[in-house]
Protein backbone atom coordinates (compact mmCIF):
# COMPACT_ATOMS: atom_id res chain seq x y z
CA ASP A 1 144.24 83.74 123.52
CA ARG A 2 143.98 80.24 124.96
CA GLY A 3 147.44 79.16 123.20
CA ARG A 4 149.82 81.48 125.51
CA ASN A 5 150.19 81.38 128.57
CA ARG A 6 149.76 85.09 130.23
CA LEU A 7 146.33 86.90 130.72
CA ALA A 8 145.38 90.26 129.07
CA VAL A 9 142.73 92.67 129.55
CA LEU A 10 140.43 93.10 126.60
CA PRO A 11 139.36 96.63 126.46
CA PHE A 12 136.26 97.88 124.25
CA ASN A 13 135.33 101.40 122.63
CA GLN A 14 131.40 102.29 122.48
CA ASN A 15 130.40 105.69 122.55
CA GLU A 16 134.09 107.17 122.50
CA ARG A 17 135.73 105.40 125.45
CA SER A 18 137.24 102.34 126.01
CA PHE A 19 135.57 99.87 129.29
CA ILE A 20 136.47 96.67 130.06
CA PRO A 21 133.42 94.96 130.16
CA VAL A 22 133.09 91.39 132.67
CA PHE A 23 130.50 88.93 133.04
CA SER A 24 128.86 87.57 136.14
CA ASP A 25 128.48 84.24 135.17
CA ARG A 26 129.07 82.37 131.35
CA LYS A 27 126.04 82.27 130.22
CA THR A 28 125.42 86.14 130.29
CA PHE A 29 128.81 86.50 128.71
CA ASP A 30 127.34 83.56 125.92
CA VAL A 31 124.26 85.93 125.31
CA GLU A 32 125.94 89.60 124.97
CA ALA A 33 129.09 88.46 122.84
CA TYR A 34 126.90 86.36 120.18
CA GLY A 35 127.43 87.66 116.49
CA THR A 36 130.48 88.43 117.70
CA GLY A 37 132.83 85.74 117.71
CA PHE A 38 134.18 85.75 120.56
CA GLU A 39 130.79 83.27 121.60
CA ASN A 40 131.87 80.36 124.06
CA LYS A 41 135.32 81.95 125.05
CA ALA A 42 134.74 82.80 128.20
CA ILE A 43 137.09 82.19 130.90
CA ALA A 44 136.87 81.87 134.84
CA VAL A 45 139.62 84.77 136.44
CA ALA A 46 140.36 85.16 140.31
CA GLY A 47 139.31 88.61 141.18
CA LYS A 48 142.87 89.02 143.06
CA THR A 49 144.34 87.92 139.23
CA PHE A 50 141.73 89.91 137.73
CA ALA A 51 141.85 93.13 139.42
CA SER A 52 146.54 92.83 139.38
CA LEU A 53 145.55 93.12 135.25
CA LEU A 54 143.87 96.45 135.17
CA ASP A 55 144.92 100.14 134.98
CA GLU A 56 144.21 102.04 137.83
CA ASP A 57 142.08 104.66 135.67
CA ALA A 58 140.46 101.45 133.81
CA ILE A 59 136.87 101.68 133.51
CA VAL A 60 135.20 98.27 133.97
CA VAL A 61 131.69 97.40 133.31
CA LEU A 62 129.57 94.77 134.77
CA ASN A 63 127.75 92.37 131.83
CA PRO A 64 127.57 95.69 129.69
CA GLY A 65 124.04 94.84 128.35
CA ASP A 66 122.08 95.66 131.71
CA ARG A 67 120.53 98.86 131.61
CA PRO A 68 121.81 100.43 134.08
CA ALA A 69 125.33 99.17 133.48
CA ILE A 70 127.82 98.59 136.66
CA GLU A 71 130.71 100.25 137.00
CA PHE A 72 134.30 100.68 138.67
CA LYS A 73 137.64 101.94 138.28
CA GLY A 74 140.48 99.66 137.99
CA SER A 75 141.56 101.41 141.87
CA GLU A 76 138.67 100.63 143.80
CA LEU A 77 138.79 96.55 141.84
CA LYS A 78 142.20 96.77 143.32
CA ALA A 79 141.22 98.43 146.93
CA ILE A 80 138.28 95.67 147.56
CA ALA A 81 141.49 92.20 146.18
CA VAL A 82 143.86 93.64 148.76
CA ARG A 83 140.95 92.73 151.55
């Protein structure tokens, strides 16, 4: 919500699991978001900020429309962010 001062991750449910989609760039986001109502609503977030929003057991999928998509656990991204 761009009208609020607070960030939150938005998990999606697909194939009986919940994951947080992230995208390598705005173009990839807009292609994958086409028809969802989220087009042109991407915001860039610093890695440390993003990692701070994650639960340890969260599943994060980079570019979920790619095959194979790359998956991370929240704990992995948190560990990388503190380096």
